N, C-alpha and C. Protein backbone atom coordinates (compact mmCIF):
# COMPACT_ATOMS: atom_id res chain seq x y z
N MET A 1 18.10 16.31 -15.22
CA MET A 1 17.40 16.93 -14.10
C MET A 1 17.99 18.30 -13.77
N ILE A 2 19.30 18.44 -13.95
CA ILE A 2 19.94 19.72 -13.64
C ILE A 2 19.48 20.79 -14.61
N GLY A 3 19.34 20.42 -15.88
CA GLY A 3 18.85 21.38 -16.87
C GLY A 3 17.45 21.86 -16.54
N ALA A 4 16.60 20.95 -16.11
CA ALA A 4 15.25 21.32 -15.72
C ALA A 4 15.28 22.22 -14.48
N ALA A 5 16.16 21.93 -13.54
CA ALA A 5 16.26 22.75 -12.34
C ALA A 5 16.73 24.17 -12.66
N ILE A 6 17.71 24.28 -13.55
CA ILE A 6 18.19 25.61 -13.95
C ILE A 6 17.08 26.36 -14.67
N GLY A 7 16.33 25.67 -15.52
CA GLY A 7 15.21 26.30 -16.21
C GLY A 7 14.12 26.76 -15.27
N VAL A 8 13.80 25.95 -14.27
CA VAL A 8 12.77 26.30 -13.30
C VAL A 8 13.18 27.52 -12.48
N VAL A 9 14.38 27.48 -11.93
CA VAL A 9 14.84 28.60 -11.09
C VAL A 9 14.93 29.88 -11.91
N THR A 10 15.44 29.78 -13.13
CA THR A 10 15.54 30.96 -13.99
C THR A 10 14.15 31.52 -14.29
N ALA A 11 13.21 30.65 -14.67
CA ALA A 11 11.86 31.11 -15.00
C ALA A 11 11.18 31.77 -13.81
N ILE A 12 11.34 31.20 -12.62
CA ILE A 12 10.69 31.77 -11.44
C ILE A 12 11.29 33.11 -11.06
N VAL A 13 12.62 33.21 -11.04
CA VAL A 13 13.26 34.47 -10.66
C VAL A 13 12.96 35.56 -11.68
N VAL A 14 12.99 35.21 -12.97
CA VAL A 14 12.66 36.21 -14.00
C VAL A 14 11.20 36.64 -13.87
N ARG A 15 10.34 35.69 -13.60
CA ARG A 15 8.91 36.00 -13.43
C ARG A 15 8.69 36.97 -12.28
N LEU A 16 9.43 36.79 -11.19
CA LEU A 16 9.28 37.66 -10.03
C LEU A 16 9.92 39.04 -10.27
N ALA A 17 10.93 39.10 -11.14
CA ALA A 17 11.65 40.36 -11.35
C ALA A 17 11.06 41.22 -12.46
N ILE A 18 10.45 40.61 -13.46
CA ILE A 18 9.95 41.34 -14.63
C ILE A 18 8.44 41.48 -14.52
N SER A 19 7.97 42.71 -14.63
CA SER A 19 6.52 42.94 -14.58
C SER A 19 6.00 43.24 -15.98
N PRO A 20 4.74 42.88 -16.25
CA PRO A 20 4.16 43.20 -17.55
C PRO A 20 4.16 44.72 -17.78
N GLY A 21 4.45 45.10 -19.00
CA GLY A 21 4.51 46.52 -19.33
C GLY A 21 5.91 47.09 -19.31
N LEU A 22 6.87 46.34 -18.76
CA LEU A 22 8.26 46.78 -18.77
C LEU A 22 8.75 46.75 -20.22
N ASP A 23 9.64 47.66 -20.56
CA ASP A 23 10.20 47.67 -21.91
C ASP A 23 10.79 46.31 -22.23
N MET A 24 10.50 45.80 -23.43
CA MET A 24 10.91 44.45 -23.79
C MET A 24 12.43 44.29 -23.81
N VAL A 25 13.14 45.30 -24.30
CA VAL A 25 14.60 45.21 -24.35
C VAL A 25 15.18 45.13 -22.93
N ILE A 26 14.65 45.95 -22.05
CA ILE A 26 15.10 45.91 -20.64
C ILE A 26 14.76 44.55 -20.03
N GLY A 27 13.57 44.04 -20.32
CA GLY A 27 13.18 42.72 -19.81
C GLY A 27 14.10 41.62 -20.30
N MET A 28 14.51 41.70 -21.56
CA MET A 28 15.41 40.69 -22.11
C MET A 28 16.80 40.80 -21.48
N LEU A 29 17.29 42.02 -21.30
CA LEU A 29 18.62 42.20 -20.69
C LEU A 29 18.63 41.76 -19.24
N VAL A 30 17.61 42.14 -18.50
CA VAL A 30 17.52 41.74 -17.09
C VAL A 30 17.36 40.23 -16.98
N GLY A 31 16.52 39.64 -17.84
CA GLY A 31 16.33 38.19 -17.84
C GLY A 31 17.62 37.44 -18.15
N THR A 32 18.39 37.96 -19.11
CA THR A 32 19.67 37.34 -19.45
C THR A 32 20.63 37.40 -18.27
N ALA A 33 20.68 38.54 -17.61
CA ALA A 33 21.58 38.69 -16.44
C ALA A 33 21.15 37.75 -15.32
N ILE A 34 19.86 37.66 -15.08
CA ILE A 34 19.35 36.75 -14.04
C ILE A 34 19.70 35.31 -14.39
N GLY A 35 19.47 34.92 -15.64
CA GLY A 35 19.80 33.56 -16.07
C GLY A 35 21.27 33.25 -15.95
N LEU A 36 22.12 34.23 -16.26
CA LEU A 36 23.57 34.05 -16.13
C LEU A 36 23.96 33.81 -14.69
N ILE A 37 23.41 34.58 -13.78
CA ILE A 37 23.72 34.42 -12.36
C ILE A 37 23.22 33.08 -11.83
N VAL A 38 22.00 32.72 -12.19
CA VAL A 38 21.41 31.45 -11.72
C VAL A 38 22.24 30.26 -12.21
N GLN A 39 22.54 30.26 -13.51
CA GLN A 39 23.29 29.10 -14.04
C GLN A 39 24.71 29.05 -13.50
N ALA A 40 25.32 30.19 -13.25
CA ALA A 40 26.68 30.19 -12.70
C ALA A 40 26.69 29.62 -11.28
N LEU A 41 25.72 30.05 -10.48
CA LEU A 41 25.65 29.54 -9.10
C LEU A 41 25.37 28.04 -9.07
N LEU A 42 24.33 27.62 -9.78
CA LEU A 42 24.00 26.19 -9.78
C LEU A 42 25.09 25.35 -10.45
N GLY A 43 25.68 25.89 -11.52
CA GLY A 43 26.74 25.15 -12.21
C GLY A 43 27.97 24.97 -11.35
N LEU A 44 28.37 26.02 -10.64
CA LEU A 44 29.55 25.91 -9.78
C LEU A 44 29.32 24.98 -8.60
N ILE A 45 28.11 24.93 -8.13
CA ILE A 45 27.79 24.03 -7.02
C ILE A 45 27.79 22.58 -7.49
N LEU A 46 27.24 22.32 -8.68
CA LEU A 46 27.05 20.95 -9.14
C LEU A 46 28.17 20.40 -10.01
N SER A 47 29.02 21.27 -10.54
CA SER A 47 30.06 20.78 -11.46
C SER A 47 31.09 19.85 -10.81
N PRO A 48 31.45 19.99 -9.54
CA PRO A 48 32.37 18.99 -8.97
C PRO A 48 31.78 17.58 -8.92
N VAL A 49 30.47 17.49 -8.84
CA VAL A 49 29.83 16.18 -8.75
C VAL A 49 29.54 15.59 -10.12
N LEU A 50 29.02 16.43 -11.03
CA LEU A 50 28.55 15.93 -12.32
C LEU A 50 29.51 16.18 -13.48
N GLY A 51 30.46 17.05 -13.30
CA GLY A 51 31.39 17.38 -14.37
C GLY A 51 31.10 18.77 -14.92
N LEU A 52 32.16 19.45 -15.26
CA LEU A 52 32.04 20.84 -15.71
C LEU A 52 31.31 20.95 -17.04
N MET A 53 31.67 20.14 -18.00
CA MET A 53 31.05 20.26 -19.33
C MET A 53 29.59 19.82 -19.31
N GLU A 54 29.25 18.89 -18.45
CA GLU A 54 27.87 18.39 -18.40
C GLU A 54 26.93 19.37 -17.73
N THR A 55 27.46 20.26 -16.89
CA THR A 55 26.58 21.22 -16.21
C THR A 55 26.67 22.63 -16.78
N MET A 56 27.86 23.07 -17.11
CA MET A 56 28.02 24.47 -17.49
C MET A 56 27.61 24.76 -18.93
N VAL A 57 27.86 23.87 -19.86
CA VAL A 57 27.51 24.15 -21.26
C VAL A 57 26.00 24.19 -21.45
N PRO A 58 25.24 23.16 -21.05
CA PRO A 58 23.79 23.29 -21.18
C PRO A 58 23.24 24.37 -20.25
N GLY A 59 23.83 24.51 -19.06
CA GLY A 59 23.35 25.53 -18.13
C GLY A 59 23.50 26.93 -18.66
N MET A 60 24.59 27.19 -19.38
CA MET A 60 24.81 28.50 -19.98
C MET A 60 23.72 28.80 -20.99
N LEU A 61 23.40 27.84 -21.84
CA LEU A 61 22.37 28.05 -22.85
C LEU A 61 21.00 28.22 -22.21
N ILE A 62 20.71 27.40 -21.21
CA ILE A 62 19.42 27.48 -20.54
C ILE A 62 19.27 28.80 -19.80
N GLY A 63 20.29 29.15 -19.03
CA GLY A 63 20.20 30.36 -18.22
C GLY A 63 20.13 31.63 -19.04
N MET A 64 21.02 31.77 -20.01
CA MET A 64 21.08 33.02 -20.75
C MET A 64 19.96 33.14 -21.77
N TYR A 65 19.76 32.11 -22.60
CA TYR A 65 18.68 32.19 -23.58
C TYR A 65 17.31 32.07 -22.93
N GLY A 66 17.21 31.19 -21.94
CA GLY A 66 15.93 31.07 -21.23
C GLY A 66 15.58 32.35 -20.51
N GLY A 67 16.57 32.95 -19.84
CA GLY A 67 16.32 34.21 -19.16
C GLY A 67 15.87 35.29 -20.12
N MET A 68 16.51 35.33 -21.29
CA MET A 68 16.13 36.33 -22.29
C MET A 68 14.72 36.08 -22.80
N LEU A 69 14.41 34.83 -23.12
CA LEU A 69 13.07 34.52 -23.63
C LEU A 69 11.99 34.70 -22.57
N PHE A 70 12.27 34.27 -21.34
CA PHE A 70 11.30 34.44 -20.27
C PHE A 70 11.09 35.91 -19.94
N GLY A 71 12.17 36.70 -19.96
CA GLY A 71 12.06 38.14 -19.71
C GLY A 71 11.23 38.83 -20.78
N MET A 72 11.44 38.46 -22.03
CA MET A 72 10.65 39.04 -23.12
C MET A 72 9.19 38.64 -22.97
N ARG A 73 8.93 37.38 -22.69
CA ARG A 73 7.56 36.89 -22.54
C ARG A 73 6.85 37.59 -21.39
N ASP A 74 7.53 37.71 -20.25
CA ASP A 74 6.90 38.31 -19.09
C ASP A 74 6.71 39.82 -19.25
N SER A 75 7.60 40.49 -19.99
CA SER A 75 7.43 41.93 -20.20
C SER A 75 6.25 42.21 -21.11
N MET A 76 5.93 41.30 -22.00
CA MET A 76 4.76 41.46 -22.87
C MET A 76 3.47 41.07 -22.16
N GLY A 77 3.57 40.40 -21.04
CA GLY A 77 2.39 39.92 -20.34
C GLY A 77 1.78 38.72 -21.04
N ALA A 78 2.55 38.07 -21.90
CA ALA A 78 2.04 36.93 -22.66
C ALA A 78 2.48 35.61 -22.05
N GLY A 79 3.02 35.64 -20.86
CA GLY A 79 3.55 34.44 -20.24
C GLY A 79 2.48 33.58 -19.61
N SER A 80 2.93 32.62 -18.88
CA SER A 80 2.04 31.71 -18.17
C SER A 80 1.28 32.48 -17.10
N ARG A 81 0.09 32.04 -16.82
CA ARG A 81 -0.78 32.75 -15.88
C ARG A 81 -0.34 32.58 -14.42
N THR A 82 0.21 31.42 -14.08
CA THR A 82 0.61 31.16 -12.69
C THR A 82 2.11 30.93 -12.62
N LEU A 83 2.63 31.01 -11.42
CA LEU A 83 4.05 30.77 -11.19
C LEU A 83 4.40 29.30 -11.45
N LEU A 84 3.48 28.41 -11.13
CA LEU A 84 3.70 26.98 -11.38
C LEU A 84 3.78 26.69 -12.88
N ALA A 85 2.94 27.34 -13.65
CA ALA A 85 2.98 27.15 -15.11
C ALA A 85 4.27 27.71 -15.69
N ALA A 86 4.75 28.83 -15.17
CA ALA A 86 6.03 29.39 -15.62
C ALA A 86 7.17 28.44 -15.28
N ALA A 87 7.11 27.82 -14.10
CA ALA A 87 8.14 26.85 -13.71
C ALA A 87 8.10 25.62 -14.62
N ALA A 88 6.92 25.19 -15.01
CA ALA A 88 6.80 24.04 -15.91
C ALA A 88 7.40 24.36 -17.28
N VAL A 89 7.16 25.56 -17.78
CA VAL A 89 7.75 25.97 -19.06
C VAL A 89 9.27 26.02 -18.94
N GLY A 90 9.78 26.52 -17.82
CA GLY A 90 11.22 26.55 -17.59
C GLY A 90 11.82 25.16 -17.56
N ALA A 91 11.14 24.23 -16.90
CA ALA A 91 11.63 22.84 -16.85
C ALA A 91 11.64 22.22 -18.24
N LEU A 92 10.59 22.44 -19.00
CA LEU A 92 10.53 21.90 -20.36
C LEU A 92 11.63 22.50 -21.23
N PHE A 93 11.85 23.79 -21.12
CA PHE A 93 12.92 24.45 -21.88
C PHE A 93 14.28 23.86 -21.50
N GLY A 94 14.50 23.64 -20.21
CA GLY A 94 15.77 23.06 -19.76
C GLY A 94 16.00 21.66 -20.31
N VAL A 95 14.97 20.84 -20.29
CA VAL A 95 15.10 19.47 -20.80
C VAL A 95 15.36 19.48 -22.31
N ILE A 96 14.67 20.34 -23.04
CA ILE A 96 14.87 20.41 -24.49
C ILE A 96 16.29 20.85 -24.83
N VAL A 97 16.81 21.84 -24.11
CA VAL A 97 18.17 22.31 -24.38
C VAL A 97 19.19 21.22 -24.05
N VAL A 98 19.03 20.53 -22.94
CA VAL A 98 19.97 19.46 -22.58
C VAL A 98 19.94 18.35 -23.64
N LEU A 99 18.75 17.97 -24.09
CA LEU A 99 18.67 16.95 -25.14
C LEU A 99 19.33 17.43 -26.43
N GLY A 100 19.13 18.69 -26.77
CA GLY A 100 19.77 19.24 -27.96
C GLY A 100 21.29 19.23 -27.87
N VAL A 101 21.82 19.57 -26.70
CA VAL A 101 23.27 19.54 -26.51
C VAL A 101 23.80 18.11 -26.57
N LYS A 102 23.07 17.17 -25.99
CA LYS A 102 23.49 15.77 -26.02
C LYS A 102 23.49 15.23 -27.45
N ILE A 103 22.47 15.55 -28.22
CA ILE A 103 22.40 15.09 -29.61
C ILE A 103 23.52 15.73 -30.42
N TYR A 104 23.77 17.01 -30.22
CA TYR A 104 24.85 17.68 -30.93
C TYR A 104 26.20 17.07 -30.58
N ASP A 105 26.42 16.77 -29.31
CA ASP A 105 27.66 16.14 -28.88
C ASP A 105 27.83 14.77 -29.52
N ARG A 106 26.75 14.03 -29.60
CA ARG A 106 26.80 12.70 -30.21
C ARG A 106 27.12 12.80 -31.71
N CYS A 107 26.57 13.81 -32.38
CA CYS A 107 26.86 14.01 -33.80
C CYS A 107 28.32 14.39 -34.01
N LEU A 108 28.88 15.20 -33.13
CA LEU A 108 30.28 15.60 -33.27
C LEU A 108 31.24 14.46 -32.99
N ARG A 109 30.96 13.69 -31.96
CA ARG A 109 31.88 12.63 -31.55
C ARG A 109 31.70 11.35 -32.34
N GLY A 110 30.49 11.04 -32.73
CA GLY A 110 30.23 9.75 -33.36
C GLY A 110 30.19 8.68 -32.29
N ILE A 111 30.31 7.46 -32.72
CA ILE A 111 30.29 6.33 -31.78
C ILE A 111 31.70 6.19 -31.19
N VAL A 112 31.79 6.15 -29.87
CA VAL A 112 33.08 6.03 -29.19
C VAL A 112 33.24 4.57 -28.75
N LEU A 113 34.33 3.97 -29.20
CA LEU A 113 34.60 2.59 -28.83
C LEU A 113 35.62 2.58 -27.70
N ASP A 114 35.36 1.79 -26.69
CA ASP A 114 36.27 1.65 -25.57
C ASP A 114 37.32 0.61 -25.91
N ALA A 115 38.59 0.99 -25.91
CA ALA A 115 39.68 0.10 -26.33
C ALA A 115 40.25 -0.72 -25.17
N THR A 116 39.73 -0.59 -23.97
CA THR A 116 40.30 -1.32 -22.85
C THR A 116 39.70 -2.68 -22.68
């Protein structure tokens, strides 16, 4: 749920900050900066409750890459037509990234047996 929330907030803020027709490189840089700020704020607020690695690692990928992709999309004017649709795409992106990180973590660790 946290990944979806970071994706939604990032997509909405980038959508409000980037207008169609803006240079794509500027849109990507601004989107990345916005995503970095959003994920840092939400991650620092939620990491004491959920754990640092569980919030900051997926949040970093969602915020920075999502911000860059959303900024590029919105600068081209090829994005979602409504703010709600942009939020839905952000939520979907957040869930996909979190699942990818979880699968990657499982592949690295393997099956963990509890010895207690």
